Amino acid sequence: MLRRLLGLASLTTAGYLALARRPEAKHVVSRAVEEISDDVRAAKERDPAATSSFEILTSYSGLHALWLHRLAHALFRRDVPLLPRWISQFNRFMTGIEIHPGATIGKGLFIDHGAGVVIGETTEIGDNVTLYQGVTLGGTGKETGKRHPTVGDNVVVGAGAKVLGSVRVGSDAKIGAGSVVVQDVPRDSTVVGNPGRPVLLQGQRVGIPDIDYRHLPDPVAEAIKCLVTRIVEMEQELDEIHPERRSKHREAVTETQRILSELTRFDEGAGI
């Protein structure tokens, strides 16, 4: 842990010293201090496990990755050769988070846990975005130009979600854990599934951004419910047309209920 912090501090210091030789050095340093303060504040607001500013500064890989990225991005924008990529790879080695130096990131990004997060070169991230572990903001092939997502403000992307291609994620949207998004996401919507399907929400959520994984809508389940409802209606219509089949129908219903009862036991941890 100590070696990791020393490596992070030395590389960051070296980078800022290089930038400090420029005329706008004083502004760069003051902005860096302000950004770090905002980062710590965002972590306190969105992570209930955070206990102190010192813990956040020394223990949060997501913040360390973000700070190193800012250094790499500043050098990348100044057309410094090779060094931004070296910093990016060092960042990945130290934190488990890979952010291309070309990615544009707004204020208040919080990467919770962070392991396995990948952010591509032409990604654009707005303000106050939250990413959980295993998130990929990536491309879909070998196309050139703008090929990574554009994420709006106040977006939450759940653990393991993949947002692929030059798609736009509207502000205040939520992407559920494990979703695969390959199309634009409307503003104020929740997207779940593979491929991701949006479910529009009424109004804008107020408060700390979060995802309640227990109550995410399931479009596939809703479609199955509609089919089951229609099948029940057709069975009732057939019983009215052919009264003699009612006894067989009751036996079939009883058997189906028995099978369903056995299947639902697996959801309760009974095993197979």
C-alpha atoms as a PDB file:
ATOM      1  CA  MET A   1       0.000   0.000   0.000  1.00  0.00           C
ATOM      2  CA  LEU A   2       2.807   2.431   0.937  1.00  0.00           C
ATOM      3  CA  ARG A   3       4.692   1.620  -2.264  1.00  0.00           C
ATOM      4  CA  ARG A   4       1.537   2.239  -4.251  1.00  0.00           C
ATOM      5  CA  LEU A   5       0.935   5.644  -2.656  1.00  0.00           C
ATOM      6  CA  LEU A   6       4.565   6.657  -3.124  1.00  0.00           C
ATOM      7  CA  GLY A   7       4.463   5.679  -6.789  1.00  0.00           C
ATOM      8  CA  LEU A   8       1.217   7.550  -7.313  1.00  0.00           C
ATOM      9  CA  ALA A   9       2.526  10.655  -5.537  1.00  0.00           C
ATOM     10  CA  SER A  10       5.859  10.690  -7.356  1.00  0.00           C
ATOM     11  CA  LEU A  11       4.347  10.302 -10.816  1.00  0.00           C
ATOM     12  CA  THR A  12       1.666  12.900 -10.167  1.00  0.00           C
ATOM     13  CA  THR A  13       4.221  15.324  -8.742  1.00  0.00           C
ATOM     14  CA  ALA A  14       6.528  14.865 -11.713  1.00  0.00           C
ATOM     15  CA  GLY A  15       3.697  15.544 -14.110  1.00  0.00           C
ATOM     16  CA  TYR A  16       2.548  18.671 -12.356  1.00  0.00           C
ATOM     17  CA  LEU A  17       6.123  19.931 -12.142  1.00  0.00           C
ATOM     18  CA  ALA A  18       6.324  19.570 -15.904  1.00  0.00           C
ATOM     19  CA  LEU A  19       3.102  21.521 -16.278  1.00  0.00           C
ATOM     20  CA  ALA A  20       4.266  24.074 -13.709  1.00  0.00           C
ATOM     21  CA  ARG A  21       6.907  25.361 -16.127  1.00  0.00           C
ATOM     22  CA  ARG A  22       4.165  26.821 -18.273  1.00  0.00           C
ATOM     23  CA  PRO A  23       2.877  30.389 -17.729  1.00  0.00           C
ATOM     24  CA  GLU A  24      -0.503  29.217 -16.421  1.00  0.00           C
ATOM     25  CA  ALA A  25       1.122  27.041 -13.716  1.00  0.00           C
ATOM     26  CA  LYS A  26      -0.482  28.843 -10.775  1.00  0.00           C
ATOM     27  CA  HIS A  27      -3.945  28.376 -12.246  1.00  0.00           C
ATOM     28  CA  VAL A  28      -3.248  24.681 -12.909  1.00  0.00           C
ATOM     29  CA  VAL A  29      -2.252  24.006  -9.298  1.00  0.00           C
ATOM     30  CA  SER A  30      -5.211  25.892  -7.792  1.00  0.00           C
ATOM     31  CA  ARG A  31      -7.620  24.077 -10.106  1.00  0.00           C
ATOM     32  CA  ALA A  32      -6.094  20.716  -9.152  1.00  0.00           C
ATOM     33  CA  VAL A  33      -6.618  21.444  -5.442  1.00  0.00           C
ATOM     34  CA  GLU A  34     -10.222  22.455  -6.091  1.00  0.00           C
ATOM     35  CA  GLU A  35     -10.890  19.311  -8.152  1.00  0.00           C
ATOM     36  CA  ILE A  36      -9.438  17.039  -5.451  1.00  0.00           C
ATOM     37  CA  SER A  37     -11.683  18.689  -2.842  1.00  0.00           C
ATOM     38  CA  ASP A  38     -14.711  18.105  -5.091  1.00  0.00           C
ATOM     39  CA  ASP A  39     -13.664  14.469  -5.591  1.00  0.00           C
ATOM     40  CA  VAL A  40     -13.479  13.830  -1.855  1.00  0.00           C
ATOM     41  CA  ARG A  41     -16.852  15.507  -1.341  1.00  0.00           C
ATOM     42  CA  ALA A  42     -18.453  13.335  -4.053  1.00  0.00           C
ATOM     43  CA  ALA A  43     -17.074  10.161  -2.452  1.00  0.00           C
ATOM     44  CA  LYS A  44     -18.475  11.162   0.943  1.00  0.00           C
ATOM     45  CA  GLU A  45     -21.905  11.834  -0.539  1.00  0.00           C
ATOM     46  CA  ARG A  46     -22.204   8.639  -2.575  1.00  0.00           C
ATOM     47  CA  ASP A  47     -20.358   6.024  -0.531  1.00  0.00           C
ATOM     48  CA  PRO A  48     -21.906   5.203   2.859  1.00  0.00           C
ATOM     49  CA  ALA A  49     -18.713   3.291   3.763  1.00  0.00           C
ATOM     50  CA  ALA A  50     -16.596   6.451   3.649  1.00  0.00           C
ATOM     51  CA  THR A  51     -15.573   7.477   7.171  1.00  0.00           C
ATOM     52  CA  SER A  52     -13.074  10.316   6.700  1.00  0.00           C
ATOM     53  CA  SER A  53     -11.353  12.482   4.123  1.00  0.00           C
ATOM     54  CA  PHE A  54      -8.001  10.891   4.963  1.00  0.00           C
ATOM     55  CA  GLU A  55      -9.379   7.416   4.272  1.00  0.00           C
ATOM     56  CA  ILE A  56     -10.765   8.571   0.922  1.00  0.00           C
ATOM     57  CA  LEU A  57      -7.512  10.266  -0.091  1.00  0.00           C
ATOM     58  CA  THR A  58      -5.377   7.234   0.718  1.00  0.00           C
ATOM     59  CA  SER A  59      -7.651   4.248   0.010  1.00  0.00           C
ATOM     60  CA  TYR A  60      -9.988   4.990  -2.895  1.00  0.00           C
ATOM     61  CA  SER A  61      -8.614   3.573  -6.159  1.00  0.00           C
ATOM     62  CA  GLY A  62     -11.289   5.353  -8.173  1.00  0.00           C
ATOM     63  CA  LEU A  63      -9.993   8.725  -7.029  1.00  0.00           C
ATOM     64  CA  HIS A  64      -6.360   7.767  -7.626  1.00  0.00           C
ATOM     65  CA  ALA A  65      -7.237   6.665 -11.163  1.00  0.00           C
ATOM     66  CA  LEU A  66      -9.082   9.913 -11.794  1.00  0.00           C
ATOM     67  CA  TRP A  67      -6.151  12.051 -10.617  1.00  0.00           C
ATOM     68  CA  LEU A  68      -3.670  10.198 -12.779  1.00  0.00           C
ATOM     69  CA  HIS A  69      -6.029  10.490 -15.728  1.00  0.00           C
ATOM     70  CA  ARG A  70      -6.233  14.251 -15.333  1.00  0.00           C
ATOM     71  CA  LEU A  71      -2.453  14.416 -15.546  1.00  0.00           C
ATOM     72  CA  ALA A  72      -2.358  12.121 -18.592  1.00  0.00           C
ATOM     73  CA  HIS A  73      -5.210  14.040 -20.248  1.00  0.00           C
ATOM     74  CA  ALA A  74      -3.459  17.390 -19.736  1.00  0.00           C
ATOM     75  CA  LEU A  75      -0.312  16.034 -21.390  1.00  0.00           C
ATOM     76  CA  PHE A  76      -2.371  14.374 -24.146  1.00  0.00           C
ATOM     77  CA  ARG A  77      -4.048  17.677 -25.021  1.00  0.00           C
ATOM     78  CA  ARG A  78      -0.609  19.302 -25.279  1.00  0.00           C
ATOM     79  CA  ASP A  79       0.442  16.632 -27.798  1.00  0.00           C
ATOM     80  CA  VAL A  80       3.134  15.227 -25.514  1.00  0.00           C
ATOM     81  CA  PRO A  81       4.202  11.949 -27.175  1.00  0.00           C
ATOM     82  CA  LEU A  82       4.058   8.567 -25.432  1.00  0.00           C
ATOM     83  CA  LEU A  83       4.116   9.833 -21.827  1.00  0.00           C
ATOM     84  CA  PRO A  84       0.294  10.073 -21.498  1.00  0.00           C
ATOM     85  CA  ARG A  85      -0.008   6.419 -22.518  1.00  0.00           C
ATOM     86  CA  TRP A  86       2.670   5.401 -20.059  1.00  0.00           C
ATOM     87  CA  ILE A  87       0.782   7.191 -17.288  1.00  0.00           C
ATOM     88  CA  SER A  88      -2.439   5.501 -18.400  1.00  0.00           C
ATOM     89  CA  GLN A  89      -0.844   2.056 -18.241  1.00  0.00           C
ATOM     90  CA  PHE A  90       0.754   2.811 -14.885  1.00  0.00           C
ATOM     91  CA  ASN A  91      -2.696   3.917 -13.739  1.00  0.00           C
ATOM     92  CA  ARG A  92      -4.157   0.601 -14.855  1.00  0.00           C
ATOM     93  CA  PHE A  93      -1.400  -1.353 -13.100  1.00  0.00           C
ATOM     94  CA  MET A  94      -1.850   0.533  -9.835  1.00  0.00           C
ATOM     95  CA  THR A  95      -5.645   0.829  -9.672  1.00  0.00           C
ATOM     96  CA  GLY A  96      -7.124  -1.801 -12.019  1.00  0.00           C
ATOM     97  CA  ILE A  97      -8.898   1.018 -13.878  1.00  0.00           C
ATOM     98  CA  GLU A  98      -8.030   1.796 -17.510  1.00  0.00           C
ATOM     99  CA  ILE A  99      -8.825   5.289 -18.778  1.00  0.00           C
ATOM    100  CA  HIS A 100      -7.482   6.381 -22.137  1.00  0.00           C
ATOM    101  CA  PRO A 101      -5.710   9.757 -21.917  1.00  0.00           C
ATOM    102  CA  GLY A 102      -8.030  11.134 -24.600  1.00  0.00           C
ATOM    103  CA  ALA A 103     -11.233  10.571 -22.589  1.00  0.00           C
ATOM    104  CA  THR A 104     -12.993  13.769 -21.482  1.00  0.00           C
ATOM    105  CA  ILE A 105     -14.350  13.639 -17.921  1.00  0.00           C
ATOM    106  CA  GLY A 106     -16.443  16.271 -16.162  1.00  0.00           C
ATOM    107  CA  LYS A 107     -16.605  17.268 -12.515  1.00  0.00           C
ATOM    108  CA  GLY A 108     -17.686  14.985  -9.697  1.00  0.00           C
ATOM    109  CA  LEU A 109     -17.052  11.577 -11.305  1.00  0.00           C
ATOM    110  CA  PHE A 110     -17.114   8.833  -8.664  1.00  0.00           C
ATOM    111  CA  ILE A 111     -15.807   5.358  -9.539  1.00  0.00           C
ATOM    112  CA  ASP A 112     -16.951   3.046  -6.740  1.00  0.00           C
ATOM    113  CA  HIS A 113     -14.646   0.047  -6.115  1.00  0.00           C
ATOM    114  CA  GLY A 114     -13.305   0.532  -9.626  1.00  0.00           C
ATOM    115  CA  ALA A 115     -11.873  -2.881 -10.493  1.00  0.00           C
ATOM    116  CA  GLY A 116     -12.238  -3.635 -14.191  1.00  0.00           C
ATOM    117  CA  VAL A 117     -13.542  -0.230 -15.272  1.00  0.00           C
ATOM    118  CA  VAL A 118     -12.559   0.673 -18.857  1.00  0.00           C
ATOM    119  CA  ILE A 119     -13.114   4.107 -20.438  1.00  0.00           C
ATOM    120  CA  GLY A 120     -12.268   4.524 -24.131  1.00  0.00           C
ATOM    121  CA  GLU A 121     -10.452   7.296 -25.958  1.00  0.00           C
ATOM    122  CA  THR A 122     -13.371   9.316 -27.340  1.00  0.00           C
ATOM    123  CA  THR A 123     -15.617   8.875 -24.307  1.00  0.00           C
ATOM    124  CA  GLU A 124     -17.201  12.043 -22.953  1.00  0.00           C
ATOM    125  CA  ILE A 125     -18.519  11.995 -19.382  1.00  0.00           C
ATOM    126  CA  GLY A 126     -20.613  14.788 -17.874  1.00  0.00           C
ATOM    127  CA  ASP A 127     -20.740  16.052 -14.304  1.00  0.00           C
ATOM    128  CA  ASN A 128     -21.626  14.050 -11.177  1.00  0.00           C
ATOM    129  CA  VAL A 129     -21.547  10.641 -12.883  1.00  0.00           C
ATOM    130  CA  THR A 130     -21.226   7.434 -10.852  1.00  0.00           C
ATOM    131  CA  LEU A 131     -19.626   4.265 -12.242  1.00  0.00           C
ATOM    132  CA  TYR A 132     -19.516   0.959 -10.389  1.00  0.00           C
ATOM    133  CA  GLN A 133     -17.003  -1.861 -10.779  1.00  0.00           C
ATOM    134  CA  GLY A 134     -16.687  -3.642 -14.105  1.00  0.00           C
ATOM    135  CA  VAL A 135     -18.232  -0.857 -16.202  1.00  0.00           C
ATOM    136  CA  THR A 136     -17.059  -0.539 -19.805  1.00  0.00           C
ATOM    137  CA  LEU A 137     -17.518   2.621 -21.861  1.00  0.00           C
ATOM    138  CA  GLY A 138     -16.100   1.176 -25.045  1.00  0.00           C
ATOM    139  CA  GLY A 139     -16.298   0.843 -28.805  1.00  0.00           C
ATOM    140  CA  THR A 140     -17.840  -1.814 -31.026  1.00  0.00           C
ATOM    141  CA  GLY A 141     -15.123  -2.411 -33.608  1.00  0.00           C
ATOM    142  CA  LYS A 142     -12.239  -0.840 -35.475  1.00  0.00           C
ATOM    143  CA  GLU A 143     -14.046   2.305 -36.627  1.00  0.00           C
ATOM    144  CA  THR A 144     -12.228   5.632 -36.306  1.00  0.00           C
ATOM    145  CA  GLY A 145     -13.369   9.029 -35.086  1.00  0.00           C
ATOM    146  CA  LYS A 146     -16.009   9.319 -32.378  1.00  0.00           C
ATOM    147  CA  ARG A 147     -16.565   5.675 -31.394  1.00  0.00           C
ATOM    148  CA  HIS A 148     -17.216   5.717 -27.640  1.00  0.00           C
ATOM    149  CA  PRO A 149     -20.206   6.804 -25.536  1.00  0.00           C
ATOM    150  CA  THR A 150     -21.228  10.305 -24.534  1.00  0.00           C
ATOM    151  CA  VAL A 151     -22.615  10.247 -20.993  1.00  0.00           C
ATOM    152  CA  GLY A 152     -24.731  13.112 -19.651  1.00  0.00           C
ATOM    153  CA  ASP A 153     -24.833  14.624 -16.170  1.00  0.00           C
ATOM    154  CA  ASN A 154     -25.970  12.749 -13.038  1.00  0.00           C
ATOM    155  CA  VAL A 155     -25.877   9.344 -14.750  1.00  0.00           C
ATOM    156  CA  VAL A 156     -25.445   6.123 -12.747  1.00  0.00           C
ATOM    157  CA  VAL A 157     -23.988   3.035 -14.442  1.00  0.00           C
ATOM    158  CA  GLY A 158     -24.382  -0.190 -12.439  1.00  0.00           C
ATOM    159  CA  ALA A 159     -21.789  -2.892 -11.845  1.00  0.00           C
ATOM    160  CA  GLY A 160     -20.700  -4.815 -14.926  1.00  0.00           C
ATOM    161  CA  ALA A 161     -22.728  -2.722 -17.373  1.00  0.00           C
ATOM    162  CA  LYS A 162     -21.375  -2.216 -20.902  1.00  0.00           C
ATOM    163  CA  VAL A 163     -22.104   0.907 -22.936  1.00  0.00           C
ATOM    164  CA  LEU A 164     -20.730   0.329 -26.421  1.00  0.00           C
ATOM    165  CA  GLY A 165     -20.337   2.530 -29.456  1.00  0.00           C
ATOM    166  CA  SER A 166     -20.984   6.183 -30.136  1.00  0.00           C
ATOM    167  CA  VAL A 167     -24.236   6.251 -28.205  1.00  0.00           C
ATOM    168  CA  ARG A 168     -25.622   9.055 -26.051  1.00  0.00           C
ATOM    169  CA  VAL A 169     -26.764   8.465 -22.487  1.00  0.00           C
ATOM    170  CA  GLY A 170     -29.130  11.231 -21.437  1.00  0.00           C
ATOM    171  CA  SER A 171     -28.721  13.131 -18.199  1.00  0.00           C
ATOM    172  CA  ASP A 172     -30.229  11.634 -15.012  1.00  0.00           C
ATOM    173  CA  ALA A 173     -30.408   8.183 -16.621  1.00  0.00           C
ATOM    174  CA  LYS A 174     -29.664   4.907 -14.824  1.00  0.00           C
ATOM    175  CA  ILE A 175     -28.178   1.776 -16.353  1.00  0.00           C
ATOM    176  CA  GLY A 176     -28.773  -1.412 -14.379  1.00  0.00           C
ATOM    177  CA  ALA A 177     -26.063  -3.886 -13.406  1.00  0.00           C
ATOM    178  CA  GLY A 178     -25.019  -6.228 -16.214  1.00  0.00           C
ATOM    179  CA  SER A 179     -26.890  -4.321 -18.931  1.00  0.00           C
ATOM    180  CA  VAL A 180     -25.465  -4.032 -22.444  1.00  0.00           C
ATOM    181  CA  VAL A 181     -26.338  -0.698 -24.046  1.00  0.00           C
ATOM    182  CA  VAL A 182     -25.850  -0.280 -27.801  1.00  0.00           C
ATOM    183  CA  GLN A 183     -28.498   2.386 -28.492  1.00  0.00           C
ATOM    184  CA  ASP A 184     -29.130   5.900 -27.205  1.00  0.00           C
ATOM    185  CA  VAL A 185     -30.591   6.144 -23.702  1.00  0.00           C
ATOM    186  CA  PRO A 186     -33.307   8.778 -23.185  1.00  0.00           C
ATOM    187  CA  ARG A 187     -33.016  11.355 -20.446  1.00  0.00           C
ATOM    188  CA  ASP A 188     -34.599  10.418 -17.087  1.00  0.00           C
ATOM    189  CA  SER A 189     -34.816   6.734 -17.965  1.00  0.00           C
ATOM    190  CA  THR A 190     -33.720   3.408 -16.538  1.00  0.00           C
ATOM    191  CA  VAL A 191     -32.140   0.842 -18.859  1.00  0.00           C
ATOM    192  CA  VAL A 192     -31.902  -2.867 -18.053  1.00  0.00           C
ATOM    193  CA  GLY A 193     -31.175  -6.105 -19.891  1.00  0.00           C
ATOM    194  CA  ASN A 194     -29.150  -7.324 -22.866  1.00  0.00           C
ATOM    195  CA  PRO A 195     -29.590  -5.492 -25.113  1.00  0.00           C
ATOM    196  CA  GLY A 196     -30.541  -2.638 -22.810  1.00  0.00           C
ATOM    197  CA  ARG A 197     -34.167  -1.541 -22.924  1.00  0.00           C
ATOM    198  CA  PRO A 198     -35.223   1.832 -21.505  1.00  0.00           C
ATOM    199  CA  VAL A 199     -38.132   2.245 -19.101  1.00  0.00           C
ATOM    200  CA  LEU A 200     -39.105   5.894 -18.871  1.00  0.00           C
ATOM    201  CA  LEU A 201     -39.490   7.434 -15.423  1.00  0.00           C
ATOM    202  CA  GLN A 202     -41.763  10.263 -14.407  1.00  0.00           C
ATOM    203  CA  GLY A 203     -39.795  13.339 -13.418  1.00  0.00           C
ATOM    204  CA  GLN A 204     -36.256  13.688 -12.167  1.00  0.00           C
ATOM    205  CA  ARG A 205     -34.933  11.845  -9.135  1.00  0.00           C
ATOM    206  CA  VAL A 206     -33.986  14.132  -6.275  1.00  0.00           C
ATOM    207  CA  GLY A 207     -31.051  13.414  -3.963  1.00  0.00           C
ATOM    208  CA  ILE A 208     -27.909  11.305  -4.107  1.00  0.00           C
ATOM    209  CA  PRO A 209     -27.673   9.247  -7.313  1.00  0.00           C
ATOM    210  CA  ASP A 210     -28.162   5.538  -6.696  1.00  0.00           C
ATOM    211  CA  ILE A 211     -29.582   2.360  -8.155  1.00  0.00           C
ATOM    212  CA  ASP A 212     -31.997   0.199  -6.209  1.00  0.00           C
ATOM    213  CA  TYR A 213     -31.193  -3.136  -7.850  1.00  0.00           C
ATOM    214  CA  ARG A 214     -34.105  -4.877  -6.102  1.00  0.00           C
ATOM    215  CA  HIS A 215     -36.749  -2.823  -7.903  1.00  0.00           C
ATOM    216  CA  LEU A 216     -35.402  -2.399 -11.415  1.00  0.00           C
ATOM    217  CA  PRO A 217     -38.108  -3.030 -14.009  1.00  0.00           C
ATOM    218  CA  ASP A 218     -37.793  -6.159 -16.173  1.00  0.00           C
ATOM    219  CA  PRO A 219     -39.286  -5.700 -19.672  1.00  0.00           C
ATOM    220  CA  VAL A 220     -38.904  -9.415 -20.501  1.00  0.00           C
ATOM    221  CA  ALA A 221     -40.818 -10.429 -17.370  1.00  0.00           C
ATOM    222  CA  GLU A 222     -43.554  -7.919 -18.215  1.00  0.00           C
ATOM    223  CA  ALA A 223     -43.890  -9.397 -21.717  1.00  0.00           C
ATOM    224  CA  ILE A 224     -44.149 -12.931 -20.278  1.00  0.00           C
ATOM    225  CA  LYS A 225     -46.863 -11.768 -17.867  1.00  0.00           C
ATOM    226  CA  CYS A 226     -48.868 -10.434 -20.814  1.00  0.00           C
ATOM    227  CA  LEU A 227     -48.553 -13.781 -22.616  1.00  0.00           C
ATOM    228  CA  VAL A 228     -49.592 -15.737 -19.533  1.00  0.00           C
ATOM    229  CA  THR A 229     -52.606 -13.476 -19.011  1.00  0.00           C
ATOM    230  CA  ARG A 230     -53.710 -14.011 -22.602  1.00  0.00           C
ATOM    231  CA  ILE A 231     -53.265 -17.794 -22.333  1.00  0.00           C
ATOM    232  CA  VAL A 232     -55.456 -17.873 -19.216  1.00  0.00           C
ATOM    233  CA  GLU A 233     -58.156 -15.903 -21.058  1.00  0.00           C
ATOM    234  CA  MET A 234     -58.042 -18.332 -23.994  1.00  0.00           C
ATOM    235  CA  GLU A 235     -58.273 -21.325 -21.643  1.00  0.00           C
ATOM    236  CA  GLN A 236     -61.378 -19.850 -20.061  1.00  0.00           C
ATOM    237  CA  GLU A 237     -62.925 -19.247 -23.473  1.00  0.00           C
ATOM    238  CA  LEU A 238     -62.236 -22.863 -24.472  1.00  0.00           C
ATOM    239  CA  ASP A 239     -63.823 -24.129 -21.249  1.00  0.00           C
ATOM    240  CA  GLU A 240     -66.994 -22.216 -22.096  1.00  0.00           C
ATOM    241  CA  ILE A 241     -67.065 -23.626 -25.640  1.00  0.00           C
ATOM    242  CA  HIS A 242     -66.150 -27.215 -24.584  1.00  0.00           C
ATOM    243  CA  PRO A 243     -67.421 -27.890 -21.050  1.00  0.00           C
ATOM    244  CA  GLU A 244     -66.251 -31.528 -21.248  1.00  0.00           C
ATOM    245  CA  ARG A 245     -62.568 -30.475 -21.131  1.00  0.00           C
ATOM    246  CA  ARG A 246     -62.845 -28.691 -17.783  1.00  0.00           C
ATOM    247  CA  SER A 247     -61.768 -31.707 -15.738  1.00  0.00           C
ATOM    248  CA  LYS A 248     -58.652 -32.195 -17.878  1.00  0.00           C
ATOM    249  CA  HIS A 249     -57.968 -28.485 -17.602  1.00  0.00           C
ATOM    250  CA  ARG A 250     -58.115 -28.629 -13.788  1.00  0.00           C
ATOM    251  CA  GLU A 251     -55.665 -31.541 -13.765  1.00  0.00           C
ATOM    252  CA  ALA A 252     -53.277 -29.650 -16.039  1.00  0.00           C
ATOM    253  CA  VAL A 253     -53.472 -26.559 -13.810  1.00  0.00           C
ATOM    254  CA  THR A 254     -52.734 -28.650 -10.715  1.00  0.00           C
ATOM    255  CA  GLU A 255     -49.699 -30.235 -12.356  1.00  0.00           C
ATOM    256  CA  THR A 256     -48.429 -26.844 -13.553  1.00  0.00           C
ATOM    257  CA  GLN A 257     -48.755 -25.405 -10.061  1.00  0.00           C
ATOM    258  CA  ARG A 258     -46.777 -28.328  -8.642  1.00  0.00           C
ATOM    259  CA  ILE A 259     -43.963 -27.816 -11.149  1.00  0.00           C
ATOM    260  CA  LEU A 260     -43.887 -24.074 -10.513  1.00  0.00           C
ATOM    261  CA  SER A 261     -43.708 -24.695  -6.783  1.00  0.00           C
ATOM    262  CA  GLU A 262     -40.625 -26.872  -7.265  1.00  0.00           C
ATOM    263  CA  LEU A 263     -38.990 -24.328  -9.552  1.00  0.00           C
ATOM    264  CA  THR A 264     -39.519 -21.404  -7.188  1.00  0.00           C
ATOM    265  CA  ARG A 265     -37.739 -23.334  -4.446  1.00  0.00           C
ATOM    266  CA  PHE A 266     -34.508 -22.809  -6.416  1.00  0.00           C
ATOM    267  CA  ASP A 267     -34.926 -19.033  -6.064  1.00  0.00           C
ATOM    268  CA  GLU A 268     -34.977 -19.519  -2.304  1.00  0.00           C
ATOM    269  CA  GLY A 269     -31.626 -21.323  -2.290  1.00  0.00           C
ATOM    270  CA  ALA A 270     -32.891 -24.911  -2.322  1.00  0.00           C
ATOM    271  CA  GLY A 271     -30.548 -25.834  -5.181  1.00  0.00           C
ATOM    272  CA  ILE A 272     -31.062 -28.305  -8.002  1.00  0.00           C
END
